[in-house]
Amino acid sequence: MPSIELDEQTHEKVVFAARLMACTPSEVVRRLVESWSTPEKPDEKPDGVRVHAVYRGERIQGLFHPDTRTLTVTQGPQAGQSFSSPSAAAMAVIQELNPDRSPNANGWLFWRVTSSGVELKSLRR
C-alpha cells in the first residue's frame, strides 16, 4: 500500500480530524482529496453556492441560495429537502444522524463553501 509522509504537526491534525469524524486517518485524507478533485459538470450552472458539511463521518452536500438565504440538501440525509435557513438544514441533518442529541446548531458554522472550504458565514451579509 502506498504511503505519504507528514510532518508531526500535520499528522496530529489528521489523527484529531479522524477522531472527530469517527473514521481512520486514511479516510480523512481520502475524503479531503475527493472533495477537491470532484470535477464540476461544465453544463451545470446551479443558482446557488455549493456547500457541504461532515457530521459523524458522513459528508452532506447542499446548495445555498444567497438571495433567499435558503439551503437545499442535495446529497446525504434530508437530500431533496429545502430549508428556510442554513441552521434549519443543519438541525434537520443532525436530528437524522444523531437523534439522541439536541439538534441546535448554527448553520453558518456547520456548512462550508465547497470550492474554498471556508465556513458559510463568509458569505453572510
N, C-alpha and C. Protein backbone atom coordinates (compact mmCIF):
# COMPACT_ATOMS: atom_id res chain seq x y z
N MET A 1 0.84 -1.17 0.00
CA MET A 1 0.00 0.00 0.00
C MET A 1 0.89 1.24 0.00
N PRO A 2 0.66 2.19 -0.89
CA PRO A 2 1.45 3.42 -0.91
C PRO A 2 1.27 4.21 0.38
N SER A 3 2.26 5.01 0.71
CA SER A 3 2.16 5.85 1.91
C SER A 3 2.64 7.25 1.59
N ILE A 4 2.29 8.17 2.46
CA ILE A 4 2.76 9.56 2.33
C ILE A 4 3.40 9.97 3.64
N GLU A 5 4.34 10.88 3.57
CA GLU A 5 4.99 11.38 4.78
C GLU A 5 4.35 12.69 5.20
N LEU A 6 4.12 12.81 6.49
CA LEU A 6 3.55 14.04 7.05
C LEU A 6 4.47 14.52 8.17
N ASP A 7 4.56 15.83 8.33
CA ASP A 7 5.29 16.32 9.48
C ASP A 7 4.45 16.02 10.72
N GLU A 8 5.06 16.07 11.88
CA GLU A 8 4.40 15.68 13.13
C GLU A 8 3.13 16.49 13.39
N GLN A 9 3.18 17.79 13.18
CA GLN A 9 2.03 18.66 13.44
C GLN A 9 0.85 18.31 12.52
N THR A 10 1.13 18.09 11.24
CA THR A 10 0.07 17.73 10.30
C THR A 10 -0.51 16.36 10.64
N HIS A 11 0.36 15.42 10.99
CA HIS A 11 -0.10 14.09 11.38
C HIS A 11 -1.05 14.18 12.57
N GLU A 12 -0.71 14.97 13.57
CA GLU A 12 -1.58 15.12 14.74
C GLU A 12 -2.93 15.71 14.35
N LYS A 13 -2.94 16.65 13.42
CA LYS A 13 -4.20 17.25 12.97
C LYS A 13 -5.06 16.23 12.22
N VAL A 14 -4.44 15.40 11.40
CA VAL A 14 -5.18 14.37 10.66
C VAL A 14 -5.77 13.35 11.64
N VAL A 15 -5.00 12.94 12.63
CA VAL A 15 -5.48 12.00 13.64
C VAL A 15 -6.63 12.62 14.43
N PHE A 16 -6.51 13.89 14.78
CA PHE A 16 -7.58 14.59 15.50
C PHE A 16 -8.85 14.65 14.64
N ALA A 17 -8.69 14.99 13.37
CA ALA A 17 -9.84 15.04 12.46
C ALA A 17 -10.49 13.67 12.35
N ALA A 18 -9.69 12.62 12.33
CA ALA A 18 -10.24 11.26 12.24
C ALA A 18 -11.09 10.94 13.47
N ARG A 19 -10.64 11.38 14.63
CA ARG A 19 -11.44 11.15 15.84
C ARG A 19 -12.76 11.90 15.75
N LEU A 20 -12.72 13.15 15.30
CA LEU A 20 -13.94 13.94 15.19
C LEU A 20 -14.91 13.34 14.17
N MET A 21 -14.37 12.80 13.11
CA MET A 21 -15.19 12.28 12.02
C MET A 21 -15.53 10.79 12.21
N ALA A 22 -15.01 10.19 13.27
CA ALA A 22 -15.25 8.78 13.56
C ALA A 22 -14.83 7.89 12.39
N CYS A 23 -13.61 8.12 11.90
CA CYS A 23 -13.09 7.31 10.80
C CYS A 23 -11.58 7.19 10.96
N THR A 24 -10.92 6.57 10.01
CA THR A 24 -9.47 6.41 10.08
C THR A 24 -8.77 7.64 9.51
N PRO A 25 -7.49 7.85 9.87
CA PRO A 25 -6.74 8.94 9.26
C PRO A 25 -6.68 8.83 7.73
N SER A 26 -6.57 7.62 7.21
CA SER A 26 -6.57 7.43 5.76
C SER A 26 -7.86 7.92 5.13
N GLU A 27 -8.98 7.66 5.83
CA GLU A 27 -10.29 8.09 5.32
C GLU A 27 -10.38 9.62 5.32
N VAL A 28 -9.79 10.28 6.30
CA VAL A 28 -9.77 11.75 6.34
C VAL A 28 -9.08 12.28 5.09
N VAL A 29 -7.91 11.73 4.79
CA VAL A 29 -7.15 12.18 3.62
C VAL A 29 -7.93 11.87 2.34
N ARG A 30 -8.51 10.66 2.25
CA ARG A 30 -9.28 10.30 1.06
C ARG A 30 -10.44 11.26 0.83
N ARG A 31 -11.17 11.56 1.90
CA ARG A 31 -12.31 12.47 1.76
C ARG A 31 -11.87 13.87 1.36
N LEU A 32 -10.76 14.32 1.91
CA LEU A 32 -10.25 15.64 1.55
C LEU A 32 -9.88 15.69 0.08
N VAL A 33 -9.17 14.68 -0.37
CA VAL A 33 -8.76 14.64 -1.78
C VAL A 33 -9.99 14.56 -2.69
N GLU A 34 -10.96 13.73 -2.32
CA GLU A 34 -12.17 13.62 -3.13
C GLU A 34 -12.95 14.92 -3.18
N SER A 35 -13.00 15.63 -2.06
CA SER A 35 -13.77 16.89 -2.04
C SER A 35 -13.17 17.94 -2.97
N TRP A 36 -11.89 17.86 -3.18
CA TRP A 36 -11.23 18.84 -4.05
C TRP A 36 -11.06 18.34 -5.47
N SER A 37 -11.24 17.05 -5.70
CA SER A 37 -10.98 16.53 -7.03
C SER A 37 -12.24 16.16 -7.80
N THR A 38 -13.41 16.35 -7.19
CA THR A 38 -14.65 16.06 -7.89
C THR A 38 -14.90 17.18 -8.89
N PRO A 39 -14.81 16.88 -10.19
CA PRO A 39 -14.97 17.96 -11.18
C PRO A 39 -16.42 18.44 -11.26
N GLU A 40 -16.56 19.72 -11.47
CA GLU A 40 -17.88 20.28 -11.71
C GLU A 40 -18.32 19.89 -13.12
N LYS A 41 -19.57 19.65 -13.29
CA LYS A 41 -20.08 19.38 -14.63
C LYS A 41 -20.16 20.70 -15.38
N PRO A 42 -19.52 20.79 -16.54
CA PRO A 42 -19.48 22.07 -17.25
C PRO A 42 -20.85 22.60 -17.64
N ASP A 43 -21.80 21.70 -17.87
CA ASP A 43 -23.12 22.16 -18.28
C ASP A 43 -24.03 22.49 -17.10
N GLU A 44 -23.54 22.27 -15.90
CA GLU A 44 -24.36 22.51 -14.73
C GLU A 44 -24.10 23.91 -14.18
N LYS A 45 -25.12 24.71 -14.07
CA LYS A 45 -24.98 26.07 -13.56
C LYS A 45 -25.99 26.27 -12.45
N PRO A 46 -25.62 25.86 -11.23
CA PRO A 46 -26.57 25.97 -10.13
C PRO A 46 -26.85 27.43 -9.80
N ASP A 47 -28.03 27.67 -9.29
CA ASP A 47 -28.41 29.03 -8.91
C ASP A 47 -28.06 29.28 -7.46
N GLY A 48 -26.94 28.76 -7.04
CA GLY A 48 -26.52 28.94 -5.67
C GLY A 48 -25.07 28.56 -5.48
N VAL A 49 -24.68 28.46 -4.23
CA VAL A 49 -23.31 28.15 -3.85
C VAL A 49 -23.28 26.74 -3.30
N ARG A 50 -22.40 25.91 -3.85
CA ARG A 50 -22.26 24.55 -3.35
C ARG A 50 -21.64 24.59 -1.96
N VAL A 51 -22.27 23.85 -1.04
CA VAL A 51 -21.78 23.77 0.33
C VAL A 51 -21.75 22.31 0.76
N HIS A 52 -21.04 22.05 1.84
CA HIS A 52 -21.00 20.69 2.39
C HIS A 52 -20.74 20.77 3.88
N ALA A 53 -20.99 19.66 4.55
CA ALA A 53 -20.65 19.51 5.96
C ALA A 53 -20.28 18.05 6.16
N VAL A 54 -19.45 17.81 7.15
CA VAL A 54 -19.14 16.45 7.55
C VAL A 54 -19.59 16.32 8.99
N TYR A 55 -20.52 15.41 9.23
CA TYR A 55 -21.06 15.22 10.56
C TYR A 55 -21.09 13.73 10.86
N ARG A 56 -20.46 13.35 11.97
CA ARG A 56 -20.39 11.94 12.38
C ARG A 56 -19.84 11.06 11.26
N GLY A 57 -18.85 11.59 10.54
CA GLY A 57 -18.19 10.83 9.49
C GLY A 57 -18.93 10.78 8.17
N GLU A 58 -20.04 11.48 8.08
CA GLU A 58 -20.82 11.47 6.83
C GLU A 58 -20.75 12.84 6.17
N ARG A 59 -20.51 12.83 4.88
CA ARG A 59 -20.46 14.08 4.12
C ARG A 59 -21.85 14.38 3.57
N ILE A 60 -22.32 15.59 3.84
CA ILE A 60 -23.62 16.04 3.37
C ILE A 60 -23.36 17.21 2.43
N GLN A 61 -24.04 17.23 1.29
CA GLN A 61 -23.84 18.31 0.33
C GLN A 61 -25.13 19.09 0.14
N GLY A 62 -24.96 20.34 -0.19
CA GLY A 62 -26.13 21.18 -0.39
C GLY A 62 -25.86 22.33 -1.32
N LEU A 63 -26.91 23.12 -1.52
CA LEU A 63 -26.83 24.30 -2.36
C LEU A 63 -27.44 25.45 -1.58
N PHE A 64 -26.62 26.45 -1.30
CA PHE A 64 -27.07 27.64 -0.57
C PHE A 64 -27.48 28.70 -1.58
N HIS A 65 -28.65 29.26 -1.37
CA HIS A 65 -29.19 30.29 -2.27
C HIS A 65 -29.04 31.65 -1.58
N PRO A 66 -28.02 32.44 -1.95
CA PRO A 66 -27.75 33.70 -1.26
C PRO A 66 -28.91 34.69 -1.29
N ASP A 67 -29.66 34.73 -2.37
CA ASP A 67 -30.75 35.71 -2.46
C ASP A 67 -31.86 35.45 -1.44
N THR A 68 -32.18 34.18 -1.24
CA THR A 68 -33.26 33.82 -0.30
C THR A 68 -32.73 33.33 1.04
N ARG A 69 -31.43 33.08 1.10
CA ARG A 69 -30.76 32.54 2.28
C ARG A 69 -31.32 31.18 2.68
N THR A 70 -31.82 30.45 1.68
CA THR A 70 -32.31 29.10 1.92
C THR A 70 -31.22 28.11 1.54
N LEU A 71 -31.38 26.87 2.00
CA LEU A 71 -30.40 25.85 1.71
C LEU A 71 -31.13 24.56 1.33
N THR A 72 -30.74 23.98 0.22
CA THR A 72 -31.30 22.71 -0.24
C THR A 72 -30.24 21.64 -0.08
N VAL A 73 -30.57 20.57 0.63
CA VAL A 73 -29.64 19.45 0.78
C VAL A 73 -29.72 18.63 -0.50
N THR A 74 -28.58 18.39 -1.11
CA THR A 74 -28.55 17.68 -2.40
C THR A 74 -28.05 16.25 -2.28
N GLN A 75 -27.33 15.94 -1.21
CA GLN A 75 -26.81 14.58 -1.03
C GLN A 75 -26.63 14.31 0.44
N GLY A 76 -27.05 13.12 0.88
CA GLY A 76 -26.95 12.74 2.28
C GLY A 76 -28.31 12.81 2.95
N PRO A 77 -28.34 12.78 4.28
CA PRO A 77 -29.60 12.85 5.00
C PRO A 77 -30.37 14.12 4.62
N GLN A 78 -31.65 13.99 4.42
CA GLN A 78 -32.53 15.09 4.05
C GLN A 78 -32.36 15.53 2.59
N ALA A 79 -31.70 14.71 1.77
CA ALA A 79 -31.49 15.05 0.36
C ALA A 79 -32.82 15.36 -0.31
N GLY A 80 -32.82 16.44 -1.09
CA GLY A 80 -34.02 16.87 -1.80
C GLY A 80 -34.87 17.85 -1.01
N GLN A 81 -34.55 18.04 0.26
CA GLN A 81 -35.32 18.96 1.11
C GLN A 81 -34.71 20.36 1.06
N SER A 82 -35.58 21.35 1.02
CA SER A 82 -35.14 22.75 1.11
C SER A 82 -35.52 23.29 2.47
N PHE A 83 -34.66 24.13 3.01
CA PHE A 83 -34.86 24.66 4.35
C PHE A 83 -34.79 26.19 4.32
N SER A 84 -35.48 26.80 5.24
CA SER A 84 -35.59 28.26 5.28
C SER A 84 -34.30 28.96 5.69
N SER A 85 -33.35 28.21 6.20
CA SER A 85 -32.07 28.79 6.62
C SER A 85 -31.01 27.70 6.69
N PRO A 86 -29.73 28.09 6.68
CA PRO A 86 -28.67 27.10 6.86
C PRO A 86 -28.80 26.38 8.21
N SER A 87 -29.23 27.09 9.24
CA SER A 87 -29.37 26.47 10.56
C SER A 87 -30.48 25.43 10.58
N ALA A 88 -31.60 25.72 9.92
CA ALA A 88 -32.69 24.74 9.86
C ALA A 88 -32.22 23.47 9.15
N ALA A 89 -31.44 23.63 8.10
CA ALA A 89 -30.91 22.47 7.38
C ALA A 89 -29.94 21.69 8.26
N ALA A 90 -29.07 22.39 8.95
CA ALA A 90 -28.10 21.74 9.84
C ALA A 90 -28.82 20.96 10.94
N MET A 91 -29.84 21.57 11.53
CA MET A 91 -30.57 20.90 12.60
C MET A 91 -31.29 19.65 12.11
N ALA A 92 -31.83 19.69 10.90
CA ALA A 92 -32.51 18.52 10.34
C ALA A 92 -31.52 17.38 10.11
N VAL A 93 -30.34 17.72 9.61
CA VAL A 93 -29.30 16.71 9.37
C VAL A 93 -28.86 16.10 10.69
N ILE A 94 -28.59 16.94 11.68
CA ILE A 94 -28.15 16.45 13.00
C ILE A 94 -29.22 15.56 13.61
N GLN A 95 -30.47 15.98 13.53
CA GLN A 95 -31.57 15.21 14.10
C GLN A 95 -31.65 13.81 13.48
N GLU A 96 -31.42 13.75 12.17
CA GLU A 96 -31.50 12.44 11.50
C GLU A 96 -30.30 11.56 11.82
N LEU A 97 -29.10 12.13 11.86
CA LEU A 97 -27.90 11.33 12.07
C LEU A 97 -27.62 11.03 13.54
N ASN A 98 -28.14 11.88 14.44
CA ASN A 98 -27.85 11.73 15.86
C ASN A 98 -29.09 12.12 16.66
N PRO A 99 -30.15 11.31 16.60
CA PRO A 99 -31.41 11.69 17.22
C PRO A 99 -31.37 11.86 18.74
N ASP A 100 -30.34 11.32 19.39
CA ASP A 100 -30.24 11.45 20.84
C ASP A 100 -29.64 12.78 21.28
N ARG A 101 -29.15 13.56 20.34
CA ARG A 101 -28.51 14.85 20.65
C ARG A 101 -29.49 15.97 20.35
N SER A 102 -29.40 17.03 21.12
CA SER A 102 -30.19 18.22 20.81
C SER A 102 -29.69 18.75 19.47
N PRO A 103 -30.59 18.98 18.53
CA PRO A 103 -30.15 19.35 17.18
C PRO A 103 -29.80 20.82 17.00
N ASN A 104 -29.75 21.60 18.07
CA ASN A 104 -29.43 23.02 17.92
C ASN A 104 -28.06 23.19 17.27
N ALA A 105 -28.01 24.01 16.23
CA ALA A 105 -26.75 24.24 15.51
C ALA A 105 -26.81 25.58 14.80
N ASN A 106 -25.66 26.18 14.66
CA ASN A 106 -25.52 27.40 13.87
C ASN A 106 -25.11 26.97 12.47
N GLY A 107 -26.04 27.06 11.54
CA GLY A 107 -25.77 26.61 10.18
C GLY A 107 -24.68 27.39 9.47
N TRP A 108 -24.47 28.63 9.87
CA TRP A 108 -23.41 29.44 9.25
C TRP A 108 -22.03 28.89 9.60
N LEU A 109 -21.94 28.13 10.69
CA LEU A 109 -20.68 27.49 11.08
C LEU A 109 -20.65 26.02 10.67
N PHE A 110 -21.81 25.38 10.59
CA PHE A 110 -21.93 23.96 10.26
C PHE A 110 -21.54 23.69 8.81
N TRP A 111 -22.02 24.53 7.89
CA TRP A 111 -21.79 24.33 6.46
C TRP A 111 -20.51 25.03 6.01
N ARG A 112 -19.84 24.45 5.01
CA ARG A 112 -18.64 25.04 4.42
C ARG A 112 -18.85 25.21 2.92
N VAL A 113 -18.28 26.27 2.40
CA VAL A 113 -18.32 26.51 0.95
C VAL A 113 -17.39 25.47 0.32
N THR A 114 -17.92 24.66 -0.56
CA THR A 114 -17.16 23.54 -1.12
C THR A 114 -15.94 23.99 -1.92
N SER A 115 -16.07 25.05 -2.68
CA SER A 115 -14.95 25.48 -3.53
C SER A 115 -13.76 26.01 -2.75
N SER A 116 -13.99 26.55 -1.55
CA SER A 116 -12.90 27.15 -0.79
C SER A 116 -12.65 26.49 0.56
N GLY A 117 -13.65 25.80 1.09
CA GLY A 117 -13.51 25.18 2.41
C GLY A 117 -13.78 26.12 3.57
N VAL A 118 -14.10 27.38 3.28
CA VAL A 118 -14.37 28.33 4.37
C VAL A 118 -15.79 28.16 4.88
N GLU A 119 -16.01 28.59 6.11
CA GLU A 119 -17.35 28.50 6.70
C GLU A 119 -18.34 29.33 5.88
N LEU A 120 -19.57 28.88 5.85
CA LEU A 120 -20.62 29.58 5.10
C LEU A 120 -20.78 31.01 5.59
N LYS A 121 -20.46 31.27 6.85
CA LYS A 121 -20.61 32.63 7.38
C LYS A 121 -19.81 33.65 6.59
N SER A 122 -18.82 33.18 5.81
CA SER A 122 -18.03 34.11 4.99
C SER A 122 -18.89 34.79 3.92
N LEU A 123 -20.05 34.19 3.60
CA LEU A 123 -20.94 34.75 2.58
C LEU A 123 -22.09 35.55 3.20
N ARG A 124 -22.13 35.59 4.51
CA ARG A 124 -23.23 36.26 5.20
C ARG A 124 -23.15 37.76 5.00
N ARG A 125 -24.30 38.35 4.72
CA ARG A 125 -24.35 39.80 4.53
C ARG A 125 -24.65 40.50 5.82
